[in-house]
Protein backbone atom coordinates (compact mmCIF):
# COMPACT_ATOMS: atom_id res chain seq x y z
CA MET A 1 -60.65 -31.33 29.40
CA THR A 2 -63.50 -33.87 29.31
CA VAL A 3 -63.14 -37.58 30.24
CA LYS A 4 -64.36 -38.41 26.66
CA VAL A 5 -61.43 -36.46 25.12
CA SER A 6 -58.88 -38.06 27.45
CA ILE A 7 -60.09 -41.54 26.68
CA ALA A 8 -60.09 -40.87 22.90
CA MET A 9 -56.60 -39.40 23.17
CA VAL A 10 -55.25 -42.54 25.01
CA SER A 11 -56.89 -44.76 22.19
CA ILE A 12 -55.55 -42.57 19.40
CA LEU A 13 -51.98 -42.60 20.79
CA ARG A 14 -51.92 -46.21 21.53
CA ASP A 15 -52.86 -46.87 17.88
CA GLY A 16 -50.21 -44.37 16.67
CA LEU A 17 -47.54 -46.18 18.76
CA VAL A 18 -48.44 -49.61 17.27
CA ASN A 19 -49.08 -48.59 13.76
CA GLY A 20 -47.19 -45.42 13.16
CA VAL A 21 -43.84 -44.80 11.41
CA GLY A 22 -40.56 -43.35 13.14
CA VAL A 23 -39.50 -42.63 16.50
CA LYS A 24 -42.14 -42.65 19.34
CA TYR A 25 -42.87 -38.95 19.66
CA LYS A 26 -43.29 -38.66 15.88
CA ARG A 27 -45.78 -41.53 15.87
CA LEU A 28 -47.69 -39.84 18.72
CA ALA A 29 -47.74 -36.55 17.06
CA ASP A 30 -48.79 -38.02 13.72
CA GLY A 31 -51.75 -39.84 15.39
CA VAL A 32 -53.10 -36.56 16.98
CA ALA A 33 -52.57 -34.70 13.81
CA GLN A 34 -54.61 -37.29 11.86
CA ALA A 35 -57.37 -37.16 14.68
CA ILE A 36 -57.49 -33.37 14.48
CA ASP A 37 -57.70 -33.43 10.78
CA GLU A 38 -60.56 -36.02 10.86
CA GLY A 39 -62.36 -34.01 13.53
CA VAL A 40 -62.13 -36.79 16.05
CA ILE A 41 -60.46 -34.00 18.24
CA GLU A 42 -62.27 -30.77 17.93
CA VAL A 43 -60.82 -27.16 17.68
CA GLY A 44 -60.55 -25.70 21.12
CA CYS A 45 -60.29 -29.10 22.97
CA LYS A 46 -57.84 -29.25 25.75
CA LEU A 47 -55.32 -32.16 25.54
CA PRO A 48 -54.64 -34.34 28.53
CA PRO A 49 -51.73 -33.50 30.71
CA HIS A 50 -48.29 -35.00 29.90
CA ARG A 51 -48.30 -37.07 32.92
CA LEU A 52 -51.58 -38.60 32.50
CA LEU A 53 -50.72 -39.66 28.93
CA ALA A 54 -47.26 -40.93 29.81
CA ASP A 55 -48.64 -43.10 32.62
CA SER A 56 -51.51 -44.32 30.43
CA LEU A 57 -49.26 -45.29 27.45
CA GLY A 58 -46.15 -46.44 29.37
CA VAL A 59 -43.87 -43.81 27.84
CA THR A 60 -41.74 -40.98 29.39
CA ILE A 61 -43.05 -37.56 30.03
CA GLY A 62 -40.28 -36.29 27.80
CA THR A 63 -41.71 -38.35 24.82
CA ILE A 64 -45.23 -36.77 25.38
CA SER A 65 -43.56 -33.32 25.67
CA ARG A 66 -41.69 -33.82 22.31
CA ALA A 67 -44.95 -35.02 20.71
CA TYR A 68 -46.89 -32.01 21.81
CA GLY A 69 -43.92 -29.86 20.90
CA GLU A 70 -44.11 -31.24 17.40
CA LEU A 71 -47.78 -30.42 17.15
CA GLU A 72 -47.17 -26.87 18.33
CA ARG A 73 -44.35 -26.37 15.74
CA VAL A 74 -46.67 -27.01 12.92
CA GLY A 75 -49.51 -24.86 14.50
CA LEU A 76 -51.92 -27.76 15.29
CA VAL A 77 -51.95 -26.87 18.95
CA VAL A 78 -51.08 -23.95 21.22
CA ALA A 79 -49.57 -24.22 24.65
CA ARG A 80 -50.89 -21.79 27.29
CA VAL A 81 -48.47 -21.43 30.14
CA GLY A 82 -50.16 -22.55 33.32
CA ASP A 83 -53.24 -23.62 31.48
CA GLY A 84 -52.44 -26.57 29.17
CA THR A 85 -52.23 -27.52 25.39
CA TYR A 86 -55.32 -26.73 23.17
CA VAL A 87 -56.19 -27.61 19.61
CA SER A 88 -55.76 -24.45 17.37
CA GLN A 89 -58.46 -22.94 15.22
CA ARG A 90 -58.45 -24.25 11.79
CA GLY A 91 -56.34 -22.28 9.27
CA MET A 92 -53.75 -21.45 11.97
CA GLU A 93 -51.43 -24.44 10.86
CA ARG A 94 -48.02 -23.44 9.62
CA ALA A 95 -47.57 -24.69 6.15
CA GLN A 96 -44.37 -26.65 6.35
CA ASP A 97 -41.54 -24.80 4.89
CA LYS A 98 -43.82 -22.25 3.11
CA GLY A 99 -41.77 -19.71 1.32
CA PHE A 100 -38.48 -21.54 1.90
CA ARG A 101 -37.37 -22.62 -1.59
CA ASN A 102 -34.06 -21.82 -3.31
CA VAL A 103 -35.77 -21.45 -6.58
CA SER A 104 -39.25 -20.37 -7.53
CA ASP A 105 -41.69 -23.07 -8.55
CA GLU A 106 -43.98 -20.49 -10.12
CA PRO A 107 -44.30 -20.11 -13.82
CA PRO A 108 -41.33 -18.46 -15.58
CA THR A 109 -43.62 -15.54 -16.61
CA CYS A 110 -43.51 -14.31 -12.89
CA PHE A 111 -40.88 -11.74 -12.05
CA ASP A 112 -39.56 -12.93 -8.71
CA MET A 113 -38.75 -10.16 -6.15
CA SER A 114 -39.33 -12.58 -3.32
CA ARG A 115 -35.74 -13.99 -2.91
CA ASN A 116 -32.33 -12.88 -2.17
CA GLN A 117 -29.84 -14.34 -4.49
CA PRO A 118 -26.50 -13.24 -6.05
CA ILE A 119 -26.92 -11.01 -8.96
CA PRO A 120 -25.19 -12.50 -11.96
CA GLY A 121 -21.67 -11.13 -12.67
CA GLN A 122 -18.46 -12.58 -14.05
CA GLU A 123 -18.43 -15.71 -12.02
CA THR A 124 -19.11 -17.85 -14.98
CA THR A 125 -16.09 -16.43 -16.77
CA PHE A 126 -13.96 -16.94 -13.69
CA LEU A 127 -15.28 -20.50 -13.24
CA SER A 128 -14.44 -21.38 -16.82
CA GLN A 129 -10.83 -20.05 -16.41
CA SER A 130 -10.40 -21.84 -13.03
CA LEU A 131 -11.51 -25.13 -14.24
CA GLN A 132 -9.19 -24.91 -17.42
CA ASP A 133 -6.37 -24.10 -14.97
CA LEU A 134 -7.22 -27.04 -12.78
CA ALA A 135 -7.34 -29.38 -15.84
CA ASN A 136 -3.55 -28.63 -16.08
CA GLU A 137 -2.79 -29.75 -12.63
CA PRO A 138 -3.36 -33.47 -12.45
CA GLY A 139 -1.84 -33.81 -8.83
CA VAL A 140 -4.39 -31.31 -7.57
CA LEU A 141 -7.19 -33.07 -9.36
CA ARG A 142 -6.20 -36.29 -7.97
CA GLN A 143 -6.62 -35.00 -4.49
CA LEU A 144 -9.81 -33.47 -5.39
CA THR A 145 -11.45 -36.73 -6.52
CA GLY A 146 -10.86 -38.60 -3.42
CA TYR A 147 -12.25 -38.46 0.01
CA THR A 148 -11.02 -35.70 2.23
CA ALA A 149 -11.05 -34.99 5.96
CA GLU A 150 -14.79 -33.94 7.05
CA GLY A 151 -13.47 -30.55 8.07
CA GLY A 152 -12.00 -29.93 4.71
CA MET A 153 -8.46 -29.78 3.32
CA ALA A 154 -5.95 -27.63 5.05
CA ARG A 155 -5.63 -25.03 2.36
CA HIS A 156 -9.49 -24.79 2.03
CA ARG A 157 -9.82 -24.18 5.76
CA VAL A 158 -7.12 -21.47 5.49
CA ALA A 159 -9.06 -19.85 2.63
CA GLY A 160 -12.21 -20.03 4.80
CA ALA A 161 -10.52 -18.29 7.68
CA VAL A 162 -9.33 -15.41 5.27
CA TRP A 163 -13.01 -15.18 3.99
CA LEU A 164 -14.47 -15.00 7.44
CA SER A 165 -11.92 -12.47 8.78
CA HIS A 166 -13.02 -8.98 9.59
CA GLY A 167 -11.08 -6.31 11.36
CA ASP A 168 -9.92 -7.60 14.70
CA PHE A 169 -11.65 -10.89 14.19
CA VAL A 170 -9.01 -13.17 12.82
CA PRO A 171 -10.14 -16.93 12.75
CA HIS A 172 -7.51 -19.53 12.94
CA ALA A 173 -7.80 -22.24 10.33
CA ASP A 174 -7.90 -25.02 12.95
CA GLN A 175 -11.29 -23.49 14.02
CA VAL A 176 -12.79 -23.41 10.54
CA LEU A 177 -14.90 -26.13 9.01
CA CYS A 178 -15.82 -26.35 5.30
CA VAL A 179 -19.49 -26.97 4.53
CA ASN A 180 -21.67 -27.17 1.47
CA GLY A 181 -23.12 -23.71 1.91
CA GLY A 182 -24.53 -21.83 4.77
CA GLN A 183 -27.67 -23.89 5.14
CA HIS A 184 -25.68 -27.01 5.42
CA GLY A 185 -23.51 -25.31 7.93
CA LEU A 186 -26.59 -24.36 10.05
CA LEU A 187 -27.88 -28.00 9.80
CA CYS A 188 -24.48 -29.44 11.00
CA ALA A 189 -24.18 -26.92 13.88
CA LEU A 190 -27.55 -27.66 15.12
CA MET A 191 -27.31 -31.37 14.54
CA GLY A 192 -23.76 -31.59 16.29
CA LEU A 193 -24.49 -29.29 19.25
CA LEU A 194 -28.19 -29.77 20.07
CA LYS A 195 -30.62 -32.56 20.43
CA ALA A 196 -34.38 -33.04 19.77
CA GLY A 197 -36.38 -31.34 22.36
CA ASP A 198 -33.91 -28.47 22.90
CA SER A 199 -35.18 -24.95 22.86
CA VAL A 200 -33.47 -22.12 20.69
CA VAL A 201 -34.25 -18.47 20.92
CA THR A 202 -34.22 -16.54 17.67
CA GLU A 203 -35.79 -13.19 16.41
CA HIS A 204 -39.52 -13.43 16.18
CA LEU A 205 -39.02 -12.74 12.54
CA SER A 206 -36.08 -15.17 11.50
CA TYR A 207 -34.55 -16.97 8.56
CA PRO A 208 -37.02 -19.56 7.14
CA GLY A 209 -34.22 -22.13 6.70
CA LEU A 210 -33.77 -22.14 10.50
CA ILE A 211 -37.45 -22.74 10.88
CA SER A 212 -37.22 -25.66 8.36
CA VAL A 213 -34.09 -27.22 10.17
CA ALA A 214 -35.49 -26.85 13.62
CA ARG A 215 -38.62 -28.72 12.50
CA GLN A 216 -36.69 -31.59 11.03
CA LEU A 217 -34.46 -31.97 13.95
CA GLY A 218 -37.17 -31.62 16.72
CA ILE A 219 -35.94 -28.44 18.04
CA LYS A 220 -38.27 -25.87 19.51
CA LEU A 221 -37.89 -22.28 18.29
CA ILE A 222 -38.87 -19.31 20.78
CA GLY A 223 -39.38 -15.97 19.13
CA ALA A 224 -37.81 -12.94 20.96
CA ALA A 225 -38.97 -9.46 20.62
CA MET A 226 -37.03 -6.90 18.30
CA ASP A 227 -36.47 -3.31 17.71
CA ASP A 228 -34.80 -1.33 14.94
CA GLU A 229 -31.39 -2.93 15.91
CA GLY A 230 -32.74 -6.47 15.99
CA LEU A 231 -32.92 -8.79 18.85
CA LEU A 232 -33.57 -7.18 22.17
CA PRO A 233 -31.24 -8.28 25.10
CA SER A 234 -34.02 -7.77 27.60
CA ALA A 235 -36.33 -10.10 25.63
CA LEU A 236 -33.62 -12.71 25.51
CA GLU A 237 -33.20 -12.38 29.23
CA ASP A 238 -36.74 -12.77 30.03
CA ILE A 239 -37.10 -15.78 27.90
CA CYS A 240 -34.02 -17.46 29.65
CA ARG A 241 -35.57 -16.73 32.91
CA GLN A 242 -38.85 -18.53 31.92
CA HIS A 243 -37.63 -21.20 29.78
CA ARG A 244 -34.92 -23.81 29.66
CA VAL A 245 -32.93 -22.51 26.77
CA SER A 246 -30.01 -24.22 24.95
CA ALA A 247 -28.90 -21.66 22.25
CA LEU A 248 -29.48 -18.40 20.48
CA TYR A 249 -29.65 -18.20 16.67
CA CYS A 250 -29.43 -14.73 15.36
CA THR A 251 -28.37 -12.45 12.33
CA PRO A 252 -26.81 -9.37 13.96
CA THR A 253 -25.70 -7.89 10.63
CA ILE A 254 -28.36 -7.10 7.77
CA GLN A 255 -30.93 -9.22 9.61
CA ASN A 256 -33.31 -11.16 7.50
CA PRO A 257 -36.02 -10.01 6.84
CA THR A 258 -35.88 -6.68 8.79
CA ALA A 259 -32.43 -5.57 7.43
CA ALA A 260 -31.71 -4.45 11.09
CA MET A 261 -28.11 -3.86 12.27
CA MET A 262 -26.83 -4.37 15.74
CA SER A 263 -24.66 -1.73 17.35
CA VAL A 264 -21.61 -2.84 19.10
CA LEU A 265 -23.07 -2.19 22.45
CA ARG A 266 -26.10 -4.42 21.54
CA ARG A 267 -23.64 -7.15 20.52
CA GLU A 268 -21.86 -6.92 23.91
CA ALA A 269 -25.14 -7.04 25.70
CA ILE A 270 -26.35 -10.04 23.85
CA ALA A 271 -22.95 -11.84 24.45
CA ASP A 272 -23.32 -10.91 28.21
CA VAL A 273 -26.75 -12.59 28.44
CA CYS A 274 -25.57 -15.64 26.68
CA ARG A 275 -22.58 -15.88 28.98
CA GLN A 276 -24.81 -15.55 32.07
CA HIS A 277 -27.36 -18.17 30.92
CA ASN A 278 -24.77 -20.50 29.35
CA LEU A 279 -26.14 -20.25 25.96
CA LEU A 280 -24.61 -21.39 22.64
CA ILE A 281 -24.68 -18.83 20.05
CA VAL A 282 -25.20 -19.62 16.45
CA GLU A 283 -24.51 -16.37 14.51
CA ASP A 284 -25.48 -16.24 10.71
CA GLU A 285 -23.44 -13.85 8.48
CA ALA A 286 -25.18 -14.74 5.23
CA HIS A 287 -25.44 -10.99 4.05
CA ALA A 288 -22.96 -9.53 6.44
CA VAL A 289 -20.16 -9.76 3.96
CA LEU A 290 -21.83 -7.12 1.95
CA ASP A 291 -21.19 -4.49 4.36
CA ARG A 292 -17.28 -4.01 4.53
CA GLN A 293 -17.65 -1.50 7.58
CA ARG A 294 -19.95 -3.89 9.67
CA PRO A 295 -19.34 -4.15 13.48
CA LEU A 296 -17.31 -7.21 14.68
CA PRO A 297 -19.37 -10.48 14.89
CA LEU A 298 -20.80 -11.87 18.14
CA SER A 299 -17.95 -14.49 17.74
CA TYR A 300 -15.50 -11.73 18.65
CA PHE A 301 -17.35 -10.76 21.84
CA ALA A 302 -18.05 -14.40 22.96
CA PRO A 303 -15.44 -16.65 21.20
CA GLU A 304 -15.86 -19.51 23.74
CA ARG A 305 -19.54 -20.13 22.86
CA ALA A 306 -20.21 -18.71 19.31
CA VAL A 307 -20.44 -20.63 16.12
CA LEU A 308 -20.22 -18.18 13.06
CA ILE A 309 -21.73 -19.29 9.69
CA GLY A 310 -20.44 -17.69 6.54
CA SER A 311 -20.67 -18.53 2.82
CA LEU A 312 -20.06 -17.27 -0.74
CA SER A 313 -23.72 -17.72 -1.68
CA LYS A 314 -24.99 -14.21 -1.35
CA ALA A 315 -21.96 -12.47 -2.55
CA VAL A 316 -19.98 -14.70 -5.09
CA SER A 317 -21.80 -17.66 -6.24
CA ALA A 318 -24.85 -19.74 -4.93
CA GLY A 319 -24.10 -22.73 -7.16
CA LEU A 320 -20.66 -23.49 -5.87
CA ARG A 321 -22.35 -24.24 -2.47
CA VAL A 322 -19.38 -23.17 -0.55
CA GLY A 323 -19.70 -22.15 3.33
CA TYR A 324 -17.61 -22.04 6.19
CA LEU A 325 -18.20 -22.43 10.07
CA HIS A 326 -16.02 -21.07 12.74
CA ALA A 327 -16.42 -22.55 16.16
CA PRO A 328 -14.56 -22.84 19.46
CA GLN A 329 -11.99 -25.56 19.38
CA ALA A 330 -13.93 -27.65 21.91
CA LEU A 331 -16.92 -27.99 19.57
CA ILE A 332 -15.09 -28.72 16.35
CA GLY A 333 -15.18 -32.44 16.82
CA ARG A 334 -18.88 -32.57 17.34
CA ILE A 335 -19.62 -30.42 14.39
CA SER A 336 -17.16 -32.41 12.25
CA SER A 337 -19.13 -35.63 13.12
CA ALA A 338 -22.31 -33.98 11.81
CA ILE A 339 -20.63 -33.02 8.53
CA ARG A 340 -19.49 -36.62 8.27
CA SER A 341 -22.90 -38.01 9.03
CA THR A 342 -24.65 -35.81 6.37
CA CYS A 343 -22.36 -35.72 3.47
CA TRP A 344 -18.85 -37.10 4.56
CA MET A 345 -17.18 -33.90 3.57
CA ALA A 346 -17.80 -30.68 1.69
CA ASN A 347 -17.47 -30.92 -2.10
CA PRO A 348 -13.53 -30.55 -2.60
CA LEU A 349 -13.82 -29.33 -6.23
CA SER A 350 -16.05 -26.43 -5.08
CA MET A 351 -13.82 -25.66 -2.20
CA GLU A 352 -10.84 -25.63 -4.58
CA VAL A 353 -12.29 -23.19 -6.88
CA ALA A 354 -13.53 -20.98 -3.96
CA SER A 355 -10.07 -21.12 -2.37
CA LEU A 356 -8.43 -20.08 -5.58
CA TRP A 357 -10.79 -17.19 -5.87
CA ILE A 358 -10.11 -16.10 -2.40
CA GLU A 359 -6.38 -16.32 -2.90
CA ASN A 360 -6.16 -14.51 -6.21
CA GLY A 361 -8.64 -11.80 -5.41
CA MET A 362 -11.51 -13.00 -7.81
CA ALA A 363 -13.84 -13.36 -4.83
CA GLU A 364 -13.15 -9.94 -3.62
CA HIS A 365 -13.79 -8.74 -7.28
CA LEU A 366 -17.17 -10.40 -7.42
CA LEU A 367 -17.94 -9.19 -4.04
CA ASP A 368 -17.41 -5.62 -5.12
CA GLU A 369 -19.54 -6.20 -8.23
CA GLN A 370 -22.30 -7.52 -6.07
CA ILE A 371 -22.20 -4.53 -3.60
CA SER A 372 -22.01 -2.09 -6.46
CA GLU A 373 -24.97 -3.59 -8.42
CA ILE A 374 -27.14 -3.84 -5.43
CA GLY A 375 -26.45 -0.21 -4.64
CA ARG A 376 -27.25 0.85 -8.20
CA ARG A 377 -30.60 -1.06 -8.37
CA LYS A 378 -31.69 0.22 -4.98
CA THR A 379 -31.00 3.78 -6.04
CA LEU A 380 -33.04 3.19 -9.15
CA VAL A 381 -36.01 1.94 -7.40
CA ALA A 382 -35.91 4.05 -4.15
CA PRO A 383 -37.87 7.04 -5.81
CA VAL A 384 -40.77 4.67 -6.45
CA LEU A 385 -41.20 3.81 -2.88
CA LYS A 386 -41.44 7.50 -1.92
CA GLY A 387 -44.27 7.87 0.77
CA LEU A 388 -44.18 4.31 1.81
CA ASN A 389 -42.98 3.36 5.24
CA TYR A 390 -40.08 0.89 4.87
CA LYS A 391 -36.82 -0.24 6.31
CA THR A 392 -33.54 -1.18 4.79
CA HIS A 393 -29.82 -0.98 5.11
CA THR A 394 -27.34 0.63 2.79
CA TYR A 395 -25.96 -2.82 1.85
CA SER A 396 -29.08 -4.90 2.19
CA PRO A 397 -30.41 -6.50 -1.03
CA HIS A 398 -33.98 -5.94 0.07
CA PHE A 399 -36.63 -3.47 1.40
CA TRP A 400 -38.81 -4.28 4.43
CA ILE A 401 -42.01 -2.45 3.55
CA GLU A 402 -45.14 -1.85 5.86
CA VAL A 403 -48.45 -2.54 4.55
CA PRO A 404 -50.95 0.24 5.48
CA GLU A 405 -53.57 -0.36 8.07
CA LEU A 406 -56.69 -2.16 7.12
CA TRP A 407 -54.83 -4.25 4.52
CA ARG A 408 -52.96 -7.62 4.99
CA ALA A 409 -49.67 -8.51 3.38
CA SER A 410 -51.02 -11.70 2.07
CA GLN A 411 -53.65 -9.77 0.29
CA ILE A 412 -51.12 -7.48 -1.51
CA ALA A 413 -48.92 -10.50 -2.28
CA ALA A 414 -51.88 -12.39 -3.86
CA GLU A 415 -52.89 -9.39 -6.05
CA LEU A 416 -49.27 -8.96 -7.18
CA LYS A 417 -49.01 -12.63 -7.94
CA GLU A 418 -52.08 -12.26 -10.30
CA ASN A 419 -50.08 -9.71 -12.14
CA ASN A 420 -47.11 -12.09 -12.20
CA TYR A 421 -45.01 -10.36 -9.62
CA LEU A 422 -43.80 -12.29 -6.60
CA VAL A 423 -42.97 -10.75 -3.08
CA ALA A 424 -42.41 -12.38 0.25
CA THR A 425 -44.54 -11.72 3.34
CA ALA A 426 -43.82 -11.75 7.17
CA GLU A 427 -45.70 -15.18 7.58
CA SER A 428 -42.78 -16.94 6.07
CA PHE A 429 -40.37 -15.56 8.74
CA ALA A 430 -42.65 -15.63 11.72
CA VAL A 431 -41.66 -17.75 14.79
CA GLY A 432 -44.17 -18.56 17.42
CA HIS A 433 -47.80 -17.85 17.51
CA GLY A 434 -47.95 -14.20 18.26
CA ALA A 435 -49.34 -11.61 15.81
CA VAL A 436 -47.40 -11.42 12.58
CA PRO A 437 -46.54 -7.84 11.47
CA GLN A 438 -47.97 -6.67 8.14
CA PHE A 439 -44.86 -6.32 6.13
CA ILE A 440 -43.50 -7.34 2.73
CA ARG A 441 -40.00 -8.18 1.78
CA VAL A 442 -39.04 -7.17 -1.76
CA SER A 443 -35.55 -7.79 -3.29
CA VAL A 444 -33.69 -6.16 -6.03
CA CYS A 445 -31.75 -9.35 -6.60
CA ASN A 446 -33.37 -10.92 -9.58
CA ALA A 447 -31.34 -12.35 -12.41
CA VAL A 448 -32.99 -10.38 -15.15
CA GLY A 449 -30.59 -7.56 -16.26
CA ASP A 450 -33.48 -5.33 -17.40
CA ASP A 451 -33.93 -2.21 -15.34
CA ARG A 452 -37.56 -1.76 -16.83
CA LEU A 453 -38.65 -5.08 -15.57
CA LEU A 454 -37.21 -4.20 -12.15
CA LEU A 455 -38.81 -0.75 -12.17
CA ALA A 456 -42.16 -2.32 -13.33
CA GLY A 457 -42.20 -4.67 -10.42
CA PHE A 458 -41.56 -2.05 -7.80
CA GLU A 459 -44.15 0.34 -9.47
CA ALA A 460 -46.71 -2.56 -9.22
CA LEU A 461 -45.94 -3.01 -5.61
CA ALA A 462 -46.22 0.74 -4.83
CA ASN A 463 -49.50 1.00 -6.69
CA ALA A 464 -50.94 -1.86 -4.75
CA LEU A 465 -49.89 -0.17 -1.42
CA THR A 466 -50.95 3.22 -2.16
CA GLN A 467 -54.19 2.87 -4.12
CA HIS A 468 -57.52 2.48 -2.40
CA ASN A 469 -58.55 -0.28 -4.81
CA PRO A 470 -56.30 -3.17 -5.09
CA LEU A 471 -54.75 -4.20 -8.45
């Protein structure tokens, strides 16, 4: 670090504190980001130590650490243990929320295989009937048009407990909270239980929605190594010994994007590590419901510290925005406060429809339809992938396909896009600054009910991966 860089940094950060917008650490981070963008701070420069800047600016070391952490999260700098923080090479920045969209913003001519979404079934018919039935229940409608408790109405929480139940894991309704979909549940869990600057361990390939929420809340993510079962207990243990970690976020059942499935022994080992290091567990069951024979959730093995997120979005209806959180009783109040601060309460009308469907068996019927159609479509396209190296799970809605050596997944994705086919690459799921594996995630869950289009999309992908010349 040169004296010139140190003096420039102090000047830049002072200006950011005075003229910037937002909390202090964000003003500092924005000031450095602008200086890097304008070339005032060059690639490869070592940034001044935290204490030096804190003393020069009259702020706490924690504020500097959070500012540096924000810069690292978006890829502008890289922290080297024992050596300091350096400006990254250009082109290494993480595009904010790249790949994290609920719908595609591409032209409608594109055939989208990049997203896992519920395959359309009979939900519109069921919704029409349910709304007609509710129209004849003025007392119920009166309840649904007013404010409710932030955790949800009692009968809606009971329905949520039923939906989350699996085998010996039988939630009590008092430990279930209603949220507007799984993503809202994730936001409320992190808002209510963590604070800016906390560190969360997750799989080194993880759900993009987590990456987005963590960035918004100022939470640092640390990627942990995986194998064919998902997160490695030894990797989690090593990170806990090297860092001050507050929580673990993981998807033990049909992991996104690798489709990995943790064994019972692995789940027990993960729970033991979290107990030893006093970690909160945030467990995502987005696709788990598609496997009726799945192992028990982590919440069963560590009930005193695990928050389970479930929803109807991947199996019944995405548009209802119905999700449920199950948490230890001691944490219910804090998560309820986060629900109240974000939306006051989950949508009572959607919750009522979902509760009716769970009670009368319609939800199970739609789930059965979803499982059956995913299986049928995967059986249809599997022969097209013969000869390719890929991973999936029987009930996973997607394939995780390796790109041959000397090729990059981004190249294959770009070439497919030129031919109006969309796929997802590992970059959208990567946590940290390690090497990103060259894999593509491709889903069978597109809305178009035309098998010829689905086959054509998978054939285009297979051709791109097997031919010497790109498309």
